[in-house]
């Protein structure tokens, strides 16, 4: 699956499912010219982030990309310790 197709899957299937989750606050999808990608989801708190894992939502979404991964997907939790919203970002 080419990166553009993978992004399309994300935009049309995964992003809408994320928006329905309690505590979901946003997402960034980053890509390199070499075709690597990183998805960073933003949640109200750790409990909201973990709820998607506990419900099976995370595994269900990752499954859609199983043919794309060159290595197993990783998952890490981070706390925001500093943030500045880009000047053109919507409020």
PDB file of N, CA and C in Angstrom:
ATOM      1  N   UNK A   1       0.863  -1.175   0.000  1.00  0.00           N
ATOM      2  CA  UNK A   1       0.000   0.000   0.000  1.00  0.00           C
ATOM      3  C   UNK A   1       0.908   1.236   0.000  1.00  0.00           C
ATOM      4  N   UNK A   2       0.774   2.082  -1.004  1.00  0.00           N
ATOM      5  CA  UNK A   2       1.560   3.324  -1.026  1.00  0.00           C
ATOM      6  C   UNK A   2       1.136   4.258   0.120  1.00  0.00           C
ATOM      7  N   UNK A   3       2.044   5.148   0.493  1.00  0.00           N
ATOM      8  CA  UNK A   3       1.772   6.064   1.602  1.00  0.00           C
ATOM      9  C   UNK A   3       0.511   6.889   1.362  1.00  0.00           C
ATOM     10  N   UNK A   4       0.303   7.375   0.139  1.00  0.00           N
ATOM     11  CA  UNK A   4      -0.889   8.184  -0.127  1.00  0.00           C
ATOM     12  C   UNK A   4      -2.164   7.380   0.111  1.00  0.00           C
ATOM     13  N   UNK A   5      -2.135   6.107  -0.232  1.00  0.00           N
ATOM     14  CA  UNK A   5      -3.300   5.254   0.007  1.00  0.00           C
ATOM     15  C   UNK A   5      -3.492   5.013   1.509  1.00  0.00           C
ATOM     16  N   UNK A   6      -2.391   4.808   2.215  1.00  0.00           N
ATOM     17  CA  UNK A   6      -2.463   4.600   3.669  1.00  0.00           C
ATOM     18  C   UNK A   6      -3.035   5.838   4.357  1.00  0.00           C
ATOM     19  N   UNK A   7      -2.648   7.013   3.892  1.00  0.00           N
ATOM     20  CA  UNK A   7      -3.177   8.255   4.462  1.00  0.00           C
ATOM     21  C   UNK A   7      -4.668   8.370   4.164  1.00  0.00           C
ATOM     22  N   UNK A   8      -5.075   7.971   2.972  1.00  0.00           N
ATOM     23  CA  UNK A   8      -6.499   7.976   2.627  1.00  0.00           C
ATOM     24  C   UNK A   8      -7.304   7.071   3.541  1.00  0.00           C
ATOM     25  N   UNK A   9      -6.773   5.877   3.823  1.00  0.00           N
ATOM     26  CA  UNK A   9      -7.436   4.959   4.755  1.00  0.00           C
ATOM     27  C   UNK A   9      -7.573   5.629   6.117  1.00  0.00           C
ATOM     28  N   UNK A  10      -6.510   6.280   6.547  1.00  0.00           N
ATOM     29  CA  UNK A  10      -6.557   6.959   7.833  1.00  0.00           C
ATOM     30  C   UNK A  10      -7.642   8.032   7.834  1.00  0.00           C
ATOM     31  N   UNK A  11      -7.646   8.877   6.811  1.00  0.00           N
ATOM     32  CA  UNK A  11      -8.587  10.003   6.766  1.00  0.00           C
ATOM     33  C   UNK A  11     -10.042   9.557   6.679  1.00  0.00           C
ATOM     34  N   UNK A  12     -10.311   8.465   5.969  1.00  0.00           N
ATOM     35  CA  UNK A  12     -11.704   8.064   5.728  1.00  0.00           C
ATOM     36  C   UNK A  12     -12.237   7.014   6.688  1.00  0.00           C
ATOM     37  N   UNK A  13     -11.353   6.234   7.321  1.00  0.00           N
ATOM     38  CA  UNK A  13     -11.827   5.179   8.215  1.00  0.00           C
ATOM     39  C   UNK A  13     -11.414   5.405   9.672  1.00  0.00           C
ATOM     40  N   UNK A  14     -10.145   5.699   9.869  1.00  0.00           N
ATOM     41  CA  UNK A  14      -9.626   5.736  11.231  1.00  0.00           C
ATOM     42  C   UNK A  14      -9.929   7.056  11.928  1.00  0.00           C
ATOM     43  N   UNK A  15      -9.696   8.175  11.262  1.00  0.00           N
ATOM     44  CA  UNK A  15      -9.970   9.476  11.881  1.00  0.00           C
ATOM     45  C   UNK A  15     -11.424   9.589  12.337  1.00  0.00           C
ATOM     46  N   UNK A  16     -12.400   9.184  11.523  1.00  0.00           N
ATOM     47  CA  UNK A  16     -13.792   9.264  12.011  1.00  0.00           C
ATOM     48  C   UNK A  16     -14.032   8.403  13.254  1.00  0.00           C
ATOM     49  N   UNK A  17     -13.398   7.228  13.321  1.00  0.00           N
ATOM     50  CA  UNK A  17     -13.555   6.370  14.502  1.00  0.00           C
ATOM     51  C   UNK A  17     -12.930   7.018  15.724  1.00  0.00           C
ATOM     52  N   UNK A  18     -11.796   7.678  15.536  1.00  0.00           N
ATOM     53  CA  UNK A  18     -11.153   8.375  16.652  1.00  0.00           C
ATOM     54  C   UNK A  18     -12.028   9.506  17.166  1.00  0.00           C
ATOM     55  N   UNK A  19     -12.620  10.264  16.251  1.00  0.00           N
ATOM     56  CA  UNK A  19     -13.457  11.410  16.642  1.00  0.00           C
ATOM     57  C   UNK A  19     -14.632  10.996  17.520  1.00  0.00           C
ATOM     58  N   UNK A  20     -15.071   9.756  17.407  1.00  0.00           N
ATOM     59  CA  UNK A  20     -16.204   9.265  18.190  1.00  0.00           C
ATOM     60  C   UNK A  20     -15.805   8.878  19.617  1.00  0.00           C
ATOM     61  N   UNK A  21     -14.510   8.821  19.910  1.00  0.00           N
ATOM     62  CA  UNK A  21     -14.042   8.370  21.219  1.00  0.00           C
ATOM     63  C   UNK A  21     -14.076   9.497  22.245  1.00  0.00           C
ATOM     64  N   UNK A  22     -14.587   9.182  23.426  1.00  0.00           N
ATOM     65  CA  UNK A  22     -14.580  10.152  24.519  1.00  0.00           C
ATOM     66  C   UNK A  22     -13.140  10.522  24.851  1.00  0.00           C
ATOM     67  N   UNK A  23     -12.880  11.793  24.991  1.00  0.00           N
ATOM     68  CA  UNK A  23     -11.567  12.264  25.379  1.00  0.00           C
ATOM     69  C   UNK A  23     -10.607  12.502  24.228  1.00  0.00           C
ATOM     70  N   UNK A  24     -11.001  12.176  22.999  1.00  0.00           N
ATOM     71  CA  UNK A  24     -10.134  12.419  21.842  1.00  0.00           C
ATOM     72  C   UNK A  24     -10.052  13.921  21.598  1.00  0.00           C
ATOM     73  N   UNK A  25      -8.821  14.428  21.442  1.00  0.00           N
ATOM     74  CA  UNK A  25      -8.638  15.868  21.269  1.00  0.00           C
ATOM     75  C   UNK A  25      -7.916  16.246  19.986  1.00  0.00           C
ATOM     76  N   UNK A  26      -7.427  15.293  19.219  1.00  0.00           N
ATOM     77  CA  UNK A  26      -6.780  15.633  17.962  1.00  0.00           C
ATOM     78  C   UNK A  26      -5.767  14.584  17.554  1.00  0.00           C
ATOM     79  N   UNK A  27      -5.204  14.783  16.357  1.00  0.00           N
ATOM     80  CA  UNK A  27      -4.237  13.826  15.825  1.00  0.00           C
ATOM     81  C   UNK A  27      -3.296  14.544  14.857  1.00  0.00           C
ATOM     82  N   UNK A  28      -2.066  14.117  14.849  1.00  0.00           N
ATOM     83  CA  UNK A  28      -1.089  14.540  13.853  1.00  0.00           C
ATOM     84  C   UNK A  28      -0.623  13.293  13.125  1.00  0.00           C
ATOM     85  N   UNK A  29      -0.542  13.355  11.818  1.00  0.00           N
ATOM     86  CA  UNK A  29       0.050  12.285  11.014  1.00  0.00           C
ATOM     87  C   UNK A  29       1.254  12.907  10.325  1.00  0.00           C
ATOM     88  N   UNK A  30       2.436  12.371  10.623  1.00  0.00           N
ATOM     89  CA  UNK A  30       3.683  12.885  10.057  1.00  0.00           C
ATOM     90  C   UNK A  30       4.238  11.860   9.087  1.00  0.00           C
ATOM     91  N   UNK A  31       4.850  12.314   7.994  1.00  0.00           N
ATOM     92  CA  UNK A  31       5.425  11.397   7.008  1.00  0.00           C
ATOM     93  C   UNK A  31       6.756  11.935   6.514  1.00  0.00           C
ATOM     94  N   UNK A  32       7.631  11.013   6.140  1.00  0.00           N
ATOM     95  CA  UNK A  32       8.923  11.380   5.563  1.00  0.00           C
ATOM     96  C   UNK A  32       8.874  11.158   4.059  1.00  0.00           C
ATOM     97  N   UNK A  33       9.774  11.778   3.310  1.00  0.00           N
ATOM     98  CA  UNK A  33       9.826  11.530   1.864  1.00  0.00           C
ATOM     99  C   UNK A  33      10.107  10.059   1.532  1.00  0.00           C
ATOM    100  N   UNK A  34      10.722   9.332   2.477  1.00  0.00           N
ATOM    101  CA  UNK A  34      11.018   7.913   2.259  1.00  0.00           C
ATOM    102  C   UNK A  34       9.804   7.013   2.479  1.00  0.00           C
ATOM    103  N   UNK A  35       8.707   7.571   2.953  1.00  0.00           N
ATOM    104  CA  UNK A  35       7.490   6.789   3.132  1.00  0.00           C
ATOM    105  C   UNK A  35       7.240   6.303   4.546  1.00  0.00           C
ATOM    106  N   UNK A  36       8.049   6.723   5.514  1.00  0.00           N
ATOM    107  CA  UNK A  36       7.777   6.372   6.907  1.00  0.00           C
ATOM    108  C   UNK A  36       6.705   7.316   7.444  1.00  0.00           C
ATOM    109  N   UNK A  37       5.916   6.822   8.392  1.00  0.00           N
ATOM    110  CA  UNK A  37       4.857   7.655   8.955  1.00  0.00           C
ATOM    111  C   UNK A  37       4.787   7.470  10.463  1.00  0.00           C
ATOM    112  N   UNK A  38       4.293   8.495  11.126  1.00  0.00           N
ATOM    113  CA  UNK A  38       4.077   8.482  12.565  1.00  0.00           C
ATOM    114  C   UNK A  38       2.700   9.092  12.814  1.00  0.00           C
ATOM    115  N   UNK A  39       1.892   8.416  13.600  1.00  0.00           N
ATOM    116  CA  UNK A  39       0.579   8.927  13.983  1.00  0.00           C
ATOM    117  C   UNK A  39       0.624   9.251  15.464  1.00  0.00           C
ATOM    118  N   UNK A  40       0.317  10.492  15.806  1.00  0.00           N
ATOM    119  CA  UNK A  40       0.307  10.926  17.202  1.00  0.00           C
ATOM    120  C   UNK A  40      -1.110  11.399  17.532  1.00  0.00           C
ATOM    121  N   UNK A  41      -1.767  10.671  18.416  1.00  0.00           N
ATOM    122  CA  UNK A  41      -3.109  11.056  18.838  1.00  0.00           C
ATOM    123  C   UNK A  41      -3.018  11.826  20.146  1.00  0.00           C
ATOM    124  N   UNK A  42      -3.942  12.743  20.330  1.00  0.00           N
ATOM    125  CA  UNK A  42      -3.989  13.595  21.517  1.00  0.00           C
ATOM    126  C   UNK A  42      -5.281  13.299  22.280  1.00  0.00           C
ATOM    127  N   UNK A  43      -5.133  13.097  23.583  1.00  0.00           N
ATOM    128  CA  UNK A  43      -6.269  12.703  24.418  1.00  0.00           C
ATOM    129  C   UNK A  43      -6.363  13.606  25.633  1.00  0.00           C
ATOM    130  N   UNK A  44      -7.570  13.712  26.176  1.00  0.00           N
ATOM    131  CA  UNK A  44      -7.818  14.530  27.364  1.00  0.00           C
ATOM    132  C   UNK A  44      -6.965  14.074  28.544  1.00  0.00           C
ATOM    133  N   UNK A  45      -6.858  12.762  28.728  1.00  0.00           N
ATOM    134  CA  UNK A  45      -6.050  12.224  29.824  1.00  0.00           C
ATOM    135  C   UNK A  45      -5.649  10.787  29.496  1.00  0.00           C
ATOM    136  N   UNK A  46      -4.836  10.209  30.357  1.00  0.00           N
ATOM    137  CA  UNK A  46      -4.324   8.855  30.133  1.00  0.00           C
ATOM    138  C   UNK A  46      -5.463   7.829  30.084  1.00  0.00           C
ATOM    139  N   UNK A  47      -6.471   8.030  30.908  1.00  0.00           N
ATOM    140  CA  UNK A  47      -7.595   7.091  30.932  1.00  0.00           C
ATOM    141  C   UNK A  47      -8.311   7.065  29.586  1.00  0.00           C
ATOM    142  N   UNK A  48      -8.495   8.227  28.973  1.00  0.00           N
ATOM    143  CA  UNK A  48      -9.144   8.292  27.660  1.00  0.00           C
ATOM    144  C   UNK A  48      -8.284   7.603  26.613  1.00  0.00           C
ATOM    145  N   UNK A  49      -6.978   7.806  26.682  1.00  0.00           N
ATOM    146  CA  UNK A  49      -6.068   7.170  25.728  1.00  0.00           C
ATOM    147  C   UNK A  49      -6.099   5.653  25.879  1.00  0.00           C
ATOM    148  N   UNK A  50      -6.139   5.175  27.096  1.00  0.00           N
ATOM    149  CA  UNK A  50      -6.131   3.739  27.345  1.00  0.00           C
ATOM    150  C   UNK A  50      -7.469   3.077  27.023  1.00  0.00           C
ATOM    151  N   UNK A  51      -8.554   3.839  27.068  1.00  0.00           N
ATOM    152  CA  UNK A  51      -9.870   3.270  26.805  1.00  0.00           C
ATOM    153  C   UNK A  51      -9.963   2.689  25.395  1.00  0.00           C
ATOM    154  N   UNK A  52      -9.329   3.337  24.431  1.00  0.00           N
ATOM    155  CA  UNK A  52      -9.338   2.819  23.065  1.00  0.00           C
ATOM    156  C   UNK A  52      -8.588   1.514  22.932  1.00  0.00           C
ATOM    157  N   UNK A  53      -7.565   1.348  23.726  1.00  0.00           N
ATOM    158  CA  UNK A  53      -6.816   0.092  23.723  1.00  0.00           C
ATOM    159  C   UNK A  53      -7.657  -1.002  24.375  1.00  0.00           C
ATOM    160  N   UNK A  54      -8.235  -0.691  25.526  1.00  0.00           N
ATOM    161  CA  UNK A  54      -9.031  -1.668  26.265  1.00  0.00           C
ATOM    162  C   UNK A  54     -10.254  -2.129  25.466  1.00  0.00           C
ATOM    163  N   UNK A  55     -10.830  -1.231  24.686  1.00  0.00           N
ATOM    164  CA  UNK A  55     -12.032  -1.567  23.922  1.00  0.00           C
ATOM    165  C   UNK A  55     -11.731  -2.374  22.666  1.00  0.00           C
ATOM    166  N   UNK A  56     -10.454  -2.429  22.270  1.00  0.00           N
ATOM    167  CA  UNK A  56     -10.092  -3.121  21.035  1.00  0.00           C
ATOM    168  C   UNK A  56      -9.985  -2.199  19.841  1.00  0.00           C
ATOM    169  N   UNK A  57     -10.323  -0.922  20.018  1.00  0.00           N
ATOM    170  CA  UNK A  57     -10.281   0.033  18.904  1.00  0.00           C
ATOM    171  C   UNK A  57      -8.881   0.138  18.317  1.00  0.00           C
ATOM    172  N   UNK A  58      -7.865   0.235  19.175  1.00  0.00           N
ATOM    173  CA  UNK A  58      -6.492   0.382  18.695  1.00  0.00           C
ATOM    174  C   UNK A  58      -6.090  -0.809  17.825  1.00  0.00           C
ATOM    175  N   UNK A  59      -6.296  -2.010  18.315  1.00  0.00           N
ATOM    176  CA  UNK A  59      -5.928  -3.213  17.555  1.00  0.00           C
ATOM    177  C   UNK A  59      -6.695  -3.284  16.234  1.00  0.00           C
ATOM    178  N   UNK A  60      -7.947  -2.917  16.266  1.00  0.00           N
ATOM    179  CA  UNK A  60      -8.792  -2.923  15.071  1.00  0.00           C
ATOM    180  C   UNK A  60      -8.245  -1.966  14.005  1.00  0.00           C
ATOM    181  N   UNK A  61      -7.792  -0.803  14.425  1.00  0.00           N
ATOM    182  CA  UNK A  61      -7.276   0.185  13.475  1.00  0.00           C
ATOM    183  C   UNK A  61      -5.903  -0.226  12.938  1.00  0.00           C
ATOM    184  N   UNK A  62      -5.040  -0.729  13.812  1.00  0.00           N
ATOM    185  CA  UNK A  62      -3.705  -1.170  13.393  1.00  0.00           C
ATOM    186  C   UNK A  62      -3.821  -2.302  12.374  1.00  0.00           C
ATOM    187  N   UNK A  63      -4.815  -3.147  12.547  1.00  0.00           N
ATOM    188  CA  UNK A  63      -5.040  -4.276  11.643  1.00  0.00           C
ATOM    189  C   UNK A  63      -5.203  -3.825  10.189  1.00  0.00           C
ATOM    190  N   UNK A  64      -5.721  -2.642   9.975  1.00  0.00           N
ATOM    191  CA  UNK A  64      -5.938  -2.139   8.620  1.00  0.00           C
ATOM    192  C   UNK A  64      -4.626  -1.860   7.894  1.00  0.00           C
ATOM    193  N   UNK A  65      -3.533  -1.789   8.643  1.00  0.00           N
ATOM    194  CA  UNK A  65      -2.232  -1.459   8.070  1.00  0.00           C
ATOM    195  C   UNK A  65      -1.238  -2.614   8.132  1.00  0.00           C
ATOM    196  N   UNK A  66      -1.683  -3.798   8.470  1.00  0.00           N
ATOM    197  CA  UNK A  66      -0.767  -4.918   8.683  1.00  0.00           C
ATOM    198  C   UNK A  66       0.130  -5.173   7.469  1.00  0.00           C
ATOM    199  N   UNK A  67      -0.351  -4.934   6.273  1.00  0.00           N
ATOM    200  CA  UNK A  67       0.449  -5.160   5.066  1.00  0.00           C
ATOM    201  C   UNK A  67       1.444  -4.028   4.812  1.00  0.00           C
ATOM    202  N   UNK A  68       1.338  -2.932   5.534  1.00  0.00           N
ATOM    203  CA  UNK A  68       2.182  -1.764   5.309  1.00  0.00           C
ATOM    204  C   UNK A  68       3.432  -1.789   6.188  1.00  0.00           C
ATOM    205  N   UNK A  69       3.319  -2.329   7.396  1.00  0.00           N
ATOM    206  CA  UNK A  69       4.408  -2.260   8.366  1.00  0.00           C
ATOM    207  C   UNK A  69       5.636  -3.032   7.913  1.00  0.00           C
ATOM    208  N   UNK A  70       6.790  -2.386   7.964  1.00  0.00           N
ATOM    209  CA  UNK A  70       8.061  -3.069   7.730  1.00  0.00           C
ATOM    210  C   UNK A  70       8.562  -3.686   9.020  1.00  0.00           C
ATOM    211  N   UNK A  71       8.109  -3.151  10.127  1.00  0.00           N
ATOM    212  CA  UNK A  71       8.431  -3.691  11.445  1.00  0.00           C
ATOM    213  C   UNK A  71       7.166  -3.560  12.291  1.00  0.00           C
ATOM    214  N   UNK A  72       7.076  -4.302  13.374  1.00  0.00           N
ATOM    215  CA  UNK A  72       5.858  -4.218  14.190  1.00  0.00           C
ATOM    216  C   UNK A  72       5.595  -2.788  14.656  1.00  0.00           C
ATOM    217  N   UNK A  73       4.327  -2.387  14.688  1.00  0.00           N
ATOM    218  CA  UNK A  73       4.010  -1.025  15.144  1.00  0.00           C
ATOM    219  C   UNK A  73       4.344  -0.874  16.620  1.00  0.00           C
ATOM    220  N   UNK A  74       4.758   0.314  16.978  1.00  0.00           N
ATOM    221  CA  UNK A  74       5.059   0.599  18.375  1.00  0.00           C
ATOM    222  C   UNK A  74       3.974   1.470  18.963  1.00  0.00           C
ATOM    223  N   UNK A  75       3.931   1.509  20.263  1.00  0.00           N
ATOM    224  CA  UNK A  75       2.957   2.351  20.948  1.00  0.00           C
ATOM    225  C   UNK A  75       3.588   2.824  22.238  1.00  0.00           C
ATOM    226  N   UNK A  76       3.669   4.138  22.403  1.00  0.00           N
ATOM    227  CA  UNK A  76       4.236   4.717  23.606  1.00  0.00           C
ATOM    228  C   UNK A  76       3.331   5.837  24.086  1.00  0.00           C
ATOM    229  N   UNK A  77       3.341   6.075  25.377  1.00  0.00           N
ATOM    230  CA  UNK A  77       2.560   7.170  25.957  1.00  0.00           C
ATOM    231  C   UNK A  77       3.507   8.265  26.419  1.00  0.00           C
ATOM    232  N   UNK A  78       3.150   9.498  26.118  1.00  0.00           N
ATOM    233  CA  UNK A  78       3.940  10.655  26.531  1.00  0.00           C
ATOM    234  C   UNK A  78       3.017  11.663  27.192  1.00  0.00           C
ATOM    235  N   UNK A  79       3.551  12.435  28.133  1.00  0.00           N
ATOM    236  CA  UNK A  79       2.843  13.572  28.707  1.00  0.00           C
ATOM    237  C   UNK A  79       3.307  14.817  27.968  1.00  0.00           C
ATOM    238  N   UNK A  80       2.402  15.731  27.706  1.00  0.00           N
ATOM    239  CA  UNK A  80       2.786  17.014  27.092  1.00  0.00           C
ATOM    240  C   UNK A  80       3.426  17.857  28.186  1.00  0.00           C
ATOM    241  N   UNK A  81       4.664  18.260  27.958  1.00  0.00           N
ATOM    242  CA  UNK A  81       5.354  19.085  28.944  1.00  0.00           C
ATOM    243  C   UNK A  81       5.550  20.517  28.459  1.00  0.00           C
ATOM    244  N   UNK A  82       5.330  20.723  27.168  1.00  0.00           N
ATOM    245  CA  UNK A  82       5.377  22.074  26.586  1.00  0.00           C
ATOM    246  C   UNK A  82       4.680  21.999  25.247  1.00  0.00           C
ATOM    247  N   UNK A  83       3.868  23.006  24.928  1.00  0.00           N
ATOM    248  CA  UNK A  83       3.185  23.044  23.634  1.00  0.00           C
ATOM    249  C   UNK A  83       2.979  24.472  23.206  1.00  0.00           C
ATOM    250  N   UNK A  84       3.158  24.708  21.938  1.00  0.00           N
ATOM    251  CA  UNK A  84       2.842  25.990  21.326  1.00  0.00           C
ATOM    252  C   UNK A  84       2.068  25.701  20.057  1.00  0.00           C
ATOM    253  N   UNK A  85       0.881  26.252  19.963  1.00  0.00           N
ATOM    254  CA  UNK A  85       0.037  26.021  18.802  1.00  0.00           C
ATOM    255  C   UNK A  85       0.577  26.815  17.619  1.00  0.00           C
ATOM    256  N   UNK A  86       0.675  26.158  16.442  1.00  0.00           N
ATOM    257  CA  UNK A  86       1.136  26.895  15.262  1.00  0.00           C
ATOM    258  C   UNK A  86       0.238  28.102  14.991  1.00  0.00           C
ATOM    259  N   UNK A  87       0.808  29.172  14.458  1.00  0.00           N
ATOM    260  CA  UNK A  87       0.086  30.425  14.246  1.00  0.00           C
ATOM    261  C   UNK A  87      -1.158  30.244  13.385  1.00  0.00           C
ATOM    262  N   UNK A  88      -1.133  29.373  12.396  1.00  0.00           N
ATOM    263  CA  UNK A  88      -2.272  29.195  11.501  1.00  0.00           C
ATOM    264  C   UNK A  88      -3.246  28.130  11.940  1.00  0.00           C
ATOM    265  N   UNK A  89      -3.030  27.517  13.095  1.00  0.00           N
ATOM    266  CA  UNK A  89      -3.892  26.417  13.542  1.00  0.00           C
ATOM    267  C   UNK A  89      -5.264  26.929  13.954  1.00  0.00           C
ATOM    268  N   UNK A  90      -6.262  26.124  13.667  1.00  0.00           N
ATOM    269  CA  UNK A  90      -7.632  26.464  14.065  1.00  0.00           C
ATOM    270  C   UNK A  90      -7.768  26.339  15.571  1.00  0.00           C
ATOM    271  N   UNK A  91      -8.568  27.173  16.155  1.00  0.00           N
ATOM    272  CA  UNK A  91      -8.748  27.138  17.619  1.00  0.00           C
ATOM    273  C   UNK A  91      -9.633  26.000  18.027  1.00  0.00           C
TER     274      UNK A  91
END
